């Protein structure tokens, strides 16, 4: 259990205070206004407003999450394309 008066960071960026904790989800109170996504729609969360959020989105320290990794398929296709371009360039240079 956390100290309910402590400042936490929702998504590692926005200051919140934890109101209640349960397994997997916490109710947090916004200490600053911020924009959040709800079912794909942007909503403004006002100071003092309470939200139910996944507990893994609430952190003790402010931090920026690591950048999202591209889908493995996209990375493989990018490598394949680069290899094809390199092969084509080699063929072109041999013709000259």
PDB file of N, CA and C in Angstrom:
ATOM      1  N   UNK A   1       0.842  -1.202   0.000  1.00  0.00           N
ATOM      2  CA  UNK A   1       0.000   0.000   0.000  1.00  0.00           C
ATOM      3  C   UNK A   1       0.877   1.251   0.000  1.00  0.00           C
ATOM      4  N   UNK A   2       0.443   2.254  -0.735  1.00  0.00           N
ATOM      5  CA  UNK A   2       1.186   3.503  -0.784  1.00  0.00           C
ATOM      6  C   UNK A   2       0.618   4.481   0.242  1.00  0.00           C
ATOM      7  N   UNK A   3       1.426   5.468   0.552  1.00  0.00           N
ATOM      8  CA  UNK A   3       0.969   6.550   1.402  1.00  0.00           C
ATOM      9  C   UNK A   3       0.038   7.403   0.546  1.00  0.00           C
ATOM     10  N   UNK A   4      -1.199   7.554   0.944  1.00  0.00           N
ATOM     11  CA  UNK A   4      -2.207   8.218   0.108  1.00  0.00           C
ATOM     12  C   UNK A   4      -1.916   9.696  -0.157  1.00  0.00           C
ATOM     13  N   UNK A   5      -1.023  10.324   0.621  1.00  0.00           N
ATOM     14  CA  UNK A   5      -0.743  11.741   0.393  1.00  0.00           C
ATOM     15  C   UNK A   5       0.457  11.946  -0.540  1.00  0.00           C
ATOM     16  N   UNK A   6       1.126  10.850  -0.916  1.00  0.00           N
ATOM     17  CA  UNK A   6       2.283  10.955  -1.797  1.00  0.00           C
ATOM     18  C   UNK A   6       1.876  11.374  -3.205  1.00  0.00           C
ATOM     19  N   UNK A   7       2.788  12.057  -3.875  1.00  0.00           N
ATOM     20  CA  UNK A   7       2.581  12.410  -5.273  1.00  0.00           C
ATOM     21  C   UNK A   7       3.112  11.263  -6.121  1.00  0.00           C
ATOM     22  N   UNK A   8       2.283  10.795  -7.047  1.00  0.00           N
ATOM     23  CA  UNK A   8       2.659   9.754  -7.994  1.00  0.00           C
ATOM     24  C   UNK A   8       2.563  10.352  -9.390  1.00  0.00           C
ATOM     25  N   UNK A   9       3.014   9.607 -10.375  1.00  0.00           N
ATOM     26  CA  UNK A   9       2.992  10.102 -11.750  1.00  0.00           C
ATOM     27  C   UNK A   9       2.262   9.111 -12.652  1.00  0.00           C
ATOM     28  N   UNK A  10       1.120   9.565 -13.175  1.00  0.00           N
ATOM     29  CA  UNK A  10       0.348   8.758 -14.110  1.00  0.00           C
ATOM     30  C   UNK A  10       1.062   8.785 -15.453  1.00  0.00           C
ATOM     31  N   UNK A  11       1.315   7.627 -16.023  1.00  0.00           N
ATOM     32  CA  UNK A  11       2.068   7.464 -17.276  1.00  0.00           C
ATOM     33  C   UNK A  11       3.463   8.050 -17.160  1.00  0.00           C
ATOM     34  N   UNK A  12       3.949   8.207 -15.923  1.00  0.00           N
ATOM     35  CA  UNK A  12       5.290   8.716 -15.696  1.00  0.00           C
ATOM     36  C   UNK A  12       5.432  10.201 -15.910  1.00  0.00           C
ATOM     37  N   UNK A  13       4.336  10.908 -16.169  1.00  0.00           N
ATOM     38  CA  UNK A  13       4.417  12.330 -16.514  1.00  0.00           C
ATOM     39  C   UNK A  13       3.491  13.207 -15.659  1.00  0.00           C
ATOM     40  N   UNK A  14       2.236  12.792 -15.488  1.00  0.00           N
ATOM     41  CA  UNK A  14       1.227  13.655 -14.865  1.00  0.00           C
ATOM     42  C   UNK A  14       1.099  13.383 -13.372  1.00  0.00           C
ATOM     43  N   UNK A  15       1.136  14.464 -12.573  1.00  0.00           N
ATOM     44  CA  UNK A  15       1.046  14.331 -11.117  1.00  0.00           C
ATOM     45  C   UNK A  15      -0.363  13.925 -10.701  1.00  0.00           C
ATOM     46  N   UNK A  16      -0.410  12.862  -9.873  1.00  0.00           N
ATOM     47  CA  UNK A  16      -1.682  12.382  -9.330  1.00  0.00           C
ATOM     48  C   UNK A  16      -1.482  11.971  -7.875  1.00  0.00           C
ATOM     49  N   UNK A  17      -2.587  11.825  -7.184  1.00  0.00           N
ATOM     50  CA  UNK A  17      -2.568  11.305  -5.820  1.00  0.00           C
ATOM     51  C   UNK A  17      -3.419  10.046  -5.829  1.00  0.00           C
ATOM     52  N   UNK A  18      -2.921   8.975  -5.246  1.00  0.00           N
ATOM     53  CA  UNK A  18      -3.661   7.716  -5.222  1.00  0.00           C
ATOM     54  C   UNK A  18      -4.752   7.801  -4.148  1.00  0.00           C
ATOM     55  N   UNK A  19      -6.009   7.589  -4.563  1.00  0.00           N
ATOM     56  CA  UNK A  19      -7.132   7.627  -3.624  1.00  0.00           C
ATOM     57  C   UNK A  19      -7.352   6.233  -3.041  1.00  0.00           C
ATOM     58  N   UNK A  20      -7.459   5.231  -3.902  1.00  0.00           N
ATOM     59  CA  UNK A  20      -7.612   3.853  -3.433  1.00  0.00           C
ATOM     60  C   UNK A  20      -6.860   2.909  -4.369  1.00  0.00           C
ATOM     61  N   UNK A  21      -6.444   1.779  -3.812  1.00  0.00           N
ATOM     62  CA  UNK A  21      -5.736   0.763  -4.579  1.00  0.00           C
ATOM     63  C   UNK A  21      -6.516  -0.535  -4.533  1.00  0.00           C
ATOM     64  N   UNK A  22      -6.563  -1.208  -5.665  1.00  0.00           N
ATOM     65  CA  UNK A  22      -7.092  -2.566  -5.692  1.00  0.00           C
ATOM     66  C   UNK A  22      -6.222  -3.344  -6.668  1.00  0.00           C
ATOM     67  N   UNK A  23      -6.428  -4.615  -6.764  1.00  0.00           N
ATOM     68  CA  UNK A  23      -5.578  -5.442  -7.605  1.00  0.00           C
ATOM     69  C   UNK A  23      -5.760  -5.067  -9.073  1.00  0.00           C
ATOM     70  N   UNK A  24      -4.684  -4.549  -9.672  1.00  0.00           N
ATOM     71  CA  UNK A  24      -4.696  -4.227 -11.091  1.00  0.00           C
ATOM     72  C   UNK A  24      -5.122  -2.808 -11.430  1.00  0.00           C
ATOM     73  N   UNK A  25      -5.969  -2.191 -10.609  1.00  0.00           N
ATOM     74  CA  UNK A  25      -6.446  -0.829 -10.906  1.00  0.00           C
ATOM     75  C   UNK A  25      -6.410   0.035  -9.662  1.00  0.00           C
ATOM     76  N   UNK A  26      -6.099   1.316  -9.873  1.00  0.00           N
ATOM     77  CA  UNK A  26      -6.099   2.284  -8.784  1.00  0.00           C
ATOM     78  C   UNK A  26      -7.014   3.435  -9.162  1.00  0.00           C
ATOM     79  N   UNK A  27      -7.585   4.060  -8.145  1.00  0.00           N
ATOM     80  CA  UNK A  27      -8.320   5.301  -8.365  1.00  0.00           C
ATOM     81  C   UNK A  27      -7.361   6.423  -7.994  1.00  0.00           C
ATOM     82  N   UNK A  28      -7.101   7.313  -8.966  1.00  0.00           N
ATOM     83  CA  UNK A  28      -6.177   8.421  -8.726  1.00  0.00           C
ATOM     84  C   UNK A  28      -6.910   9.741  -8.899  1.00  0.00           C
ATOM     85  N   UNK A  29      -6.399  10.746  -8.204  1.00  0.00           N
ATOM     86  CA  UNK A  29      -6.948  12.098  -8.295  1.00  0.00           C
ATOM     87  C   UNK A  29      -5.916  12.978  -8.982  1.00  0.00           C
ATOM     88  N   UNK A  30      -6.333  13.680 -10.032  1.00  0.00           N
ATOM     89  CA  UNK A  30      -5.404  14.521 -10.799  1.00  0.00           C
ATOM     90  C   UNK A  30      -4.968  15.725  -9.969  1.00  0.00           C
ATOM     91  N   UNK A  31      -3.660  15.964  -9.905  1.00  0.00           N
ATOM     92  CA  UNK A  31      -3.124  17.146  -9.226  1.00  0.00           C
ATOM     93  C   UNK A  31      -2.771  18.241 -10.232  1.00  0.00           C
ATOM     94  N   UNK A  32      -2.872  17.889 -11.519  1.00  0.00           N
ATOM     95  CA  UNK A  32      -2.679  18.861 -12.597  1.00  0.00           C
ATOM     96  C   UNK A  32      -3.553  18.435 -13.763  1.00  0.00           C
ATOM     97  N   UNK A  33      -3.916  19.381 -14.606  1.00  0.00           N
ATOM     98  CA  UNK A  33      -4.754  19.075 -15.767  1.00  0.00           C
ATOM     99  C   UNK A  33      -3.904  18.393 -16.840  1.00  0.00           C
ATOM    100  N   UNK A  34      -4.481  17.369 -17.484  1.00  0.00           N
ATOM    101  CA  UNK A  34      -3.776  16.697 -18.579  1.00  0.00           C
ATOM    102  C   UNK A  34      -4.778  16.048 -19.529  1.00  0.00           C
ATOM    103  N   UNK A  35      -4.286  15.675 -20.703  1.00  0.00           N
ATOM    104  CA  UNK A  35      -5.130  14.984 -21.677  1.00  0.00           C
ATOM    105  C   UNK A  35      -4.869  13.491 -21.585  1.00  0.00           C
ATOM    106  N   UNK A  36      -5.934  12.706 -21.699  1.00  0.00           N
ATOM    107  CA  UNK A  36      -5.819  11.256 -21.629  1.00  0.00           C
ATOM    108  C   UNK A  36      -6.654  10.653 -22.758  1.00  0.00           C
ATOM    109  N   UNK A  37      -6.390   9.402 -23.075  1.00  0.00           N
ATOM    110  CA  UNK A  37      -7.156   8.668 -24.079  1.00  0.00           C
ATOM    111  C   UNK A  37      -8.174   7.790 -23.379  1.00  0.00           C
ATOM    112  N   UNK A  38      -9.425   7.877 -23.803  1.00  0.00           N
ATOM    113  CA  UNK A  38     -10.475   6.998 -23.304  1.00  0.00           C
ATOM    114  C   UNK A  38     -11.153   6.403 -24.526  1.00  0.00           C
ATOM    115  N   UNK A  39     -10.943   5.108 -24.732  1.00  0.00           N
ATOM    116  CA  UNK A  39     -11.515   4.393 -25.865  1.00  0.00           C
ATOM    117  C   UNK A  39     -11.206   5.108 -27.186  1.00  0.00           C
ATOM    118  N   UNK A  40      -9.963   5.565 -27.328  1.00  0.00           N
ATOM    119  CA  UNK A  40      -9.528   6.201 -28.564  1.00  0.00           C
ATOM    120  C   UNK A  40      -9.879   7.675 -28.693  1.00  0.00           C
ATOM    121  N   UNK A  41     -10.552   8.237 -27.700  1.00  0.00           N
ATOM    122  CA  UNK A  41     -10.919   9.655 -27.738  1.00  0.00           C
ATOM    123  C   UNK A  41     -10.093  10.425 -26.715  1.00  0.00           C
ATOM    124  N   UNK A  42      -9.661  11.643 -27.085  1.00  0.00           N
ATOM    125  CA  UNK A  42      -8.916  12.507 -26.165  1.00  0.00           C
ATOM    126  C   UNK A  42      -9.905  13.180 -25.214  1.00  0.00           C
ATOM    127  N   UNK A  43      -9.586  13.103 -23.928  1.00  0.00           N
ATOM    128  CA  UNK A  43     -10.401  13.794 -22.927  1.00  0.00           C
ATOM    129  C   UNK A  43      -9.480  14.603 -22.022  1.00  0.00           C
ATOM    130  N   UNK A  44      -9.963  15.729 -21.556  1.00  0.00           N
ATOM    131  CA  UNK A  44      -9.199  16.557 -20.637  1.00  0.00           C
ATOM    132  C   UNK A  44      -9.568  16.171 -19.214  1.00  0.00           C
ATOM    133  N   UNK A  45      -8.551  15.845 -18.430  1.00  0.00           N
ATOM    134  CA  UNK A  45      -8.754  15.496 -17.023  1.00  0.00           C
ATOM    135  C   UNK A  45      -8.449  16.748 -16.212  1.00  0.00           C
ATOM    136  N   UNK A  46      -9.423  17.212 -15.457  1.00  0.00           N
ATOM    137  CA  UNK A  46      -9.278  18.445 -14.675  1.00  0.00           C
ATOM    138  C   UNK A  46      -8.658  18.152 -13.304  1.00  0.00           C
ATOM    139  N   UNK A  47      -8.069  19.171 -12.707  1.00  0.00           N
ATOM    140  CA  UNK A  47      -7.493  19.044 -11.367  1.00  0.00           C
ATOM    141  C   UNK A  47      -8.591  18.613 -10.400  1.00  0.00           C
ATOM    142  N   UNK A  48      -8.314  17.611  -9.593  1.00  0.00           N
ATOM    143  CA  UNK A  48      -9.282  17.116  -8.616  1.00  0.00           C
ATOM    144  C   UNK A  48     -10.165  15.993  -9.135  1.00  0.00           C
ATOM    145  N   UNK A  49     -10.165  15.788 -10.448  1.00  0.00           N
ATOM    146  CA  UNK A  49     -10.979  14.731 -11.044  1.00  0.00           C
ATOM    147  C   UNK A  49     -10.365  13.360 -10.738  1.00  0.00           C
ATOM    148  N   UNK A  50     -11.223  12.391 -10.445  1.00  0.00           N
ATOM    149  CA  UNK A  50     -10.731  11.044 -10.144  1.00  0.00           C
ATOM    150  C   UNK A  50     -10.933  10.135 -11.342  1.00  0.00           C
ATOM    151  N   UNK A  51      -9.953   9.243 -11.543  1.00  0.00           N
ATOM    152  CA  UNK A  51      -9.991   8.298 -12.658  1.00  0.00           C
ATOM    153  C   UNK A  51      -9.567   6.920 -12.176  1.00  0.00           C
ATOM    154  N   UNK A  52     -10.114   5.907 -12.788  1.00  0.00           N
ATOM    155  CA  UNK A  52      -9.676   4.529 -12.537  1.00  0.00           C
ATOM    156  C   UNK A  52      -8.642   4.217 -13.610  1.00  0.00           C
ATOM    157  N   UNK A  53      -7.429   3.861 -13.170  1.00  0.00           N
ATOM    158  CA  UNK A  53      -6.340   3.606 -14.112  1.00  0.00           C
ATOM    159  C   UNK A  53      -5.637   2.297 -13.761  1.00  0.00           C
ATOM    160  N   UNK A  54      -5.019   1.645 -14.761  1.00  0.00           N
ATOM    161  CA  UNK A  54      -4.245   0.433 -14.458  1.00  0.00           C
ATOM    162  C   UNK A  54      -3.081   0.778 -13.542  1.00  0.00           C
ATOM    163  N   UNK A  55      -2.824  -0.063 -12.557  1.00  0.00           N
ATOM    164  CA  UNK A  55      -1.771   0.238 -11.581  1.00  0.00           C
ATOM    165  C   UNK A  55      -0.385   0.315 -12.224  1.00  0.00           C
ATOM    166  N   UNK A  56      -0.187  -0.362 -13.356  1.00  0.00           N
ATOM    167  CA  UNK A  56       1.127  -0.309 -14.000  1.00  0.00           C
ATOM    168  C   UNK A  56       1.371   1.000 -14.746  1.00  0.00           C
ATOM    169  N   UNK A  57       0.377   1.896 -14.776  1.00  0.00           N
ATOM    170  CA  UNK A  57       0.537   3.209 -15.410  1.00  0.00           C
ATOM    171  C   UNK A  57       0.852   4.309 -14.385  1.00  0.00           C
ATOM    172  N   UNK A  58       0.915   3.930 -13.101  1.00  0.00           N
ATOM    173  CA  UNK A  58       1.176   4.896 -12.031  1.00  0.00           C
ATOM    174  C   UNK A  58       2.558   4.599 -11.446  1.00  0.00           C
ATOM    175  N   UNK A  59       3.420   5.624 -11.424  1.00  0.00           N
ATOM    176  CA  UNK A  59       4.811   5.431 -11.001  1.00  0.00           C
ATOM    177  C   UNK A  59       5.185   6.409  -9.901  1.00  0.00           C
ATOM    178  N   UNK A  60       6.159   6.006  -9.077  1.00  0.00           N
ATOM    179  CA  UNK A  60       6.619   6.855  -7.976  1.00  0.00           C
ATOM    180  C   UNK A  60       7.427   8.046  -8.472  1.00  0.00           C
ATOM    181  N   UNK A  61       8.155   7.846  -9.575  1.00  0.00           N
ATOM    182  CA  UNK A  61       9.017   8.916 -10.085  1.00  0.00           C
ATOM    183  C   UNK A  61       8.581   9.331 -11.476  1.00  0.00           C
ATOM    184  N   UNK A  62       8.879  10.570 -11.801  1.00  0.00           N
ATOM    185  CA  UNK A  62       8.577  11.087 -13.124  1.00  0.00           C
ATOM    186  C   UNK A  62       9.579  10.490 -14.109  1.00  0.00           C
ATOM    187  N   UNK A  63       9.111  10.004 -15.214  1.00  0.00           N
ATOM    188  CA  UNK A  63       9.998   9.469 -16.243  1.00  0.00           C
ATOM    189  C   UNK A  63       9.243   9.420 -17.564  1.00  0.00           C
ATOM    190  N   UNK A  64      10.002   9.379 -18.641  1.00  0.00           N
ATOM    191  CA  UNK A  64       9.391   9.201 -19.953  1.00  0.00           C
ATOM    192  C   UNK A  64       9.521   7.729 -20.317  1.00  0.00           C
ATOM    193  N   UNK A  65       8.434   7.105 -20.718  1.00  0.00           N
ATOM    194  CA  UNK A  65       8.504   5.692 -21.062  1.00  0.00           C
ATOM    195  C   UNK A  65       9.396   5.477 -22.282  1.00  0.00           C
ATOM    196  N   UNK A  66       9.990   4.288 -22.415  1.00  0.00           N
ATOM    197  CA  UNK A  66      10.829   4.032 -23.584  1.00  0.00           C
ATOM    198  C   UNK A  66      10.002   4.118 -24.856  1.00  0.00           C
ATOM    199  N   UNK A  67      10.631   4.488 -25.967  1.00  0.00           N
ATOM    200  CA  UNK A  67       9.868   4.581 -27.215  1.00  0.00           C
ATOM    201  C   UNK A  67       9.292   3.221 -27.600  1.00  0.00           C
ATOM    202  N   UNK A  68       8.154   3.246 -28.237  1.00  0.00           N
ATOM    203  CA  UNK A  68       7.500   2.014 -28.653  1.00  0.00           C
ATOM    204  C   UNK A  68       8.324   1.345 -29.737  1.00  0.00           C
ATOM    205  N   UNK A  69       8.492   0.040 -29.626  1.00  0.00           N
ATOM    206  CA  UNK A  69       9.216  -0.699 -30.653  1.00  0.00           C
ATOM    207  C   UNK A  69       8.289  -0.955 -31.830  1.00  0.00           C
ATOM    208  N   UNK A  70       8.871  -0.887 -33.017  1.00  0.00           N
ATOM    209  CA  UNK A  70       8.073  -1.160 -34.196  1.00  0.00           C
ATOM    210  C   UNK A  70       7.700  -2.632 -34.231  1.00  0.00           C
ATOM    211  N   UNK A  71       6.659  -2.899 -34.897  1.00  0.00           N
ATOM    212  CA  UNK A  71       6.203  -4.268 -35.044  1.00  0.00           C
ATOM    213  C   UNK A  71       7.291  -5.088 -35.727  1.00  0.00           C
ATOM    214  N   UNK A  72       7.505  -6.312 -35.288  1.00  0.00           N
ATOM    215  CA  UNK A  72       8.576  -7.166 -35.804  1.00  0.00           C
ATOM    216  C   UNK A  72       8.470  -7.352 -37.317  1.00  0.00           C
ATOM    217  N   UNK A  73       7.266  -7.465 -37.829  1.00  0.00           N
ATOM    218  CA  UNK A  73       7.073  -7.640 -39.266  1.00  0.00           C
ATOM    219  C   UNK A  73       7.613  -6.436 -40.036  1.00  0.00           C
ATOM    220  N   UNK A  74       7.278  -5.236 -39.545  1.00  0.00           N
ATOM    221  CA  UNK A  74       7.764  -4.015 -40.202  1.00  0.00           C
ATOM    222  C   UNK A  74       9.278  -3.967 -40.215  1.00  0.00           C
ATOM    223  N   UNK A  75       9.911  -4.347 -39.114  1.00  0.00           N
ATOM    224  CA  UNK A  75      11.372  -4.341 -39.044  1.00  0.00           C
ATOM    225  C   UNK A  75      11.969  -5.339 -40.034  1.00  0.00           C
ATOM    226  N   UNK A  76      11.376  -6.527 -40.128  1.00  0.00           N
ATOM    227  CA  UNK A  76      11.873  -7.537 -41.086  1.00  0.00           C
ATOM    228  C   UNK A  76      11.731  -7.041 -42.512  1.00  0.00           C
ATOM    229  N   UNK A  77      10.600  -6.433 -42.821  1.00  0.00           N
ATOM    230  CA  UNK A  77      10.372  -5.942 -44.185  1.00  0.00           C
ATOM    231  C   UNK A  77      11.334  -4.797 -44.521  1.00  0.00           C
ATOM    232  N   UNK A  78      11.619  -3.953 -43.552  1.00  0.00           N
ATOM    233  CA  UNK A  78      12.561  -2.862 -43.768  1.00  0.00           C
ATOM    234  C   UNK A  78      13.955  -3.417 -44.070  1.00  0.00           C
ATOM    235  N   UNK A  79      14.375  -4.440 -43.311  1.00  0.00           N
ATOM    236  CA  UNK A  79      15.675  -5.073 -43.563  1.00  0.00           C
ATOM    237  C   UNK A  79      15.707  -5.690 -44.955  1.00  0.00           C
ATOM    238  N   UNK A  80      14.624  -6.369 -45.319  1.00  0.00           N
ATOM    239  CA  UNK A  80      14.544  -7.015 -46.632  1.00  0.00           C
ATOM    240  C   UNK A  80      14.642  -5.969 -47.740  1.00  0.00           C
ATOM    241  N   UNK A  81      13.938  -4.865 -47.587  1.00  0.00           N
ATOM    242  CA  UNK A  81      13.970  -3.792 -48.584  1.00  0.00           C
ATOM    243  C   UNK A  81      15.370  -3.208 -48.715  1.00  0.00           C
ATOM    244  N   UNK A  82      16.033  -2.967 -47.587  1.00  0.00           N
ATOM    245  CA  UNK A  82      17.401  -2.444 -47.621  1.00  0.00           C
ATOM    246  C   UNK A  82      18.335  -3.412 -48.333  1.00  0.00           C
ATOM    247  N   UNK A  83      18.156  -4.715 -48.066  1.00  0.00           N
ATOM    248  CA  UNK A  83      18.999  -5.728 -48.707  1.00  0.00           C
ATOM    249  C   UNK A  83      18.747  -5.749 -50.214  1.00  0.00           C
ATOM    250  N   UNK A  84      17.475  -5.670 -50.628  1.00  0.00           N
ATOM    251  CA  UNK A  84      17.142  -5.657 -52.053  1.00  0.00           C
ATOM    252  C   UNK A  84      17.735  -4.436 -52.746  1.00  0.00           C
ATOM    253  N   UNK A  85      17.673  -3.290 -52.102  1.00  0.00           N
ATOM    254  CA  UNK A  85      18.243  -2.061 -52.665  1.00  0.00           C
ATOM    255  C   UNK A  85      19.751  -2.204 -52.802  1.00  0.00           C
ATOM    256  N   UNK A  86      20.399  -2.739 -51.765  1.00  0.00           N
ATOM    257  CA  UNK A  86      21.852  -2.929 -51.805  1.00  0.00           C
ATOM    258  C   UNK A  86      22.232  -3.892 -52.930  1.00  0.00           C
ATOM    259  N   UNK A  87      21.464  -4.997 -53.094  1.00  0.00           N
ATOM    260  CA  UNK A  87      21.731  -5.956 -54.171  1.00  0.00           C
ATOM    261  C   UNK A  87      21.575  -5.294 -55.536  1.00  0.00           C
ATOM    262  N   UNK A  88      20.541  -4.492 -55.681  1.00  0.00           N
ATOM    263  CA  UNK A  88      20.294  -3.808 -56.962  1.00  0.00           C
ATOM    264  C   UNK A  88      21.416  -2.815 -57.269  1.00  0.00           C
ATOM    265  N   UNK A  89      21.879  -2.109 -56.233  1.00  0.00           N
ATOM    266  CA  UNK A  89      22.986  -1.158 -56.429  1.00  0.00           C
ATOM    267  C   UNK A  89      24.257  -1.884 -56.846  1.00  0.00           C
ATOM    268  N   UNK A  90      24.487  -3.080 -56.278  1.00  0.00           N
ATOM    269  CA  UNK A  90      25.663  -3.876 -56.654  1.00  0.00           C
ATOM    270  C   UNK A  90      25.580  -4.283 -58.121  1.00  0.00           C
ATOM    271  N   UNK A  91      24.381  -4.712 -58.560  1.00  0.00           N
ATOM    272  CA  UNK A  91      24.182  -5.106 -59.954  1.00  0.00           C
ATOM    273  C   UNK A  91      24.439  -3.928 -60.886  1.00  0.00           C
ATOM    274  N   UNK A  92      23.933  -2.746 -60.497  1.00  0.00           N
ATOM    275  CA  UNK A  92      24.115  -1.547 -61.315  1.00  0.00           C
ATOM    276  C   UNK A  92      25.594  -1.183 -61.449  1.00  0.00           C
ATOM    277  N   UNK A  93      26.323  -1.302 -60.327  1.00  0.00           N
ATOM    278  CA  UNK A  93      27.743  -0.932 -60.354  1.00  0.00           C
ATOM    279  C   UNK A  93      28.553  -1.959 -61.167  1.00  0.00           C
ATOM    280  N   UNK A  94      28.134  -3.226 -61.216  1.00  0.00           N
ATOM    281  CA  UNK A  94      28.847  -4.233 -62.020  1.00  0.00           C
ATOM    282  C   UNK A  94      28.626  -4.008 -63.509  1.00  0.00           C
ATOM    283  N   UNK A  95      27.435  -3.489 -63.898  1.00  0.00           N
ATOM    284  CA  UNK A  95      27.135  -3.228 -65.308  1.00  0.00           C
ATOM    285  C   UNK A  95      28.003  -2.105 -65.853  1.00  0.00           C
ATOM    286  N   UNK A  96      28.389  -1.166 -65.011  1.00  0.00           N
ATOM    287  CA  UNK A  96      29.151   0.004 -65.463  1.00  0.00           C
ATOM    288  C   UNK A  96      30.587  -0.280 -65.720  1.00  0.00           C
TER     289      UNK A  96
END
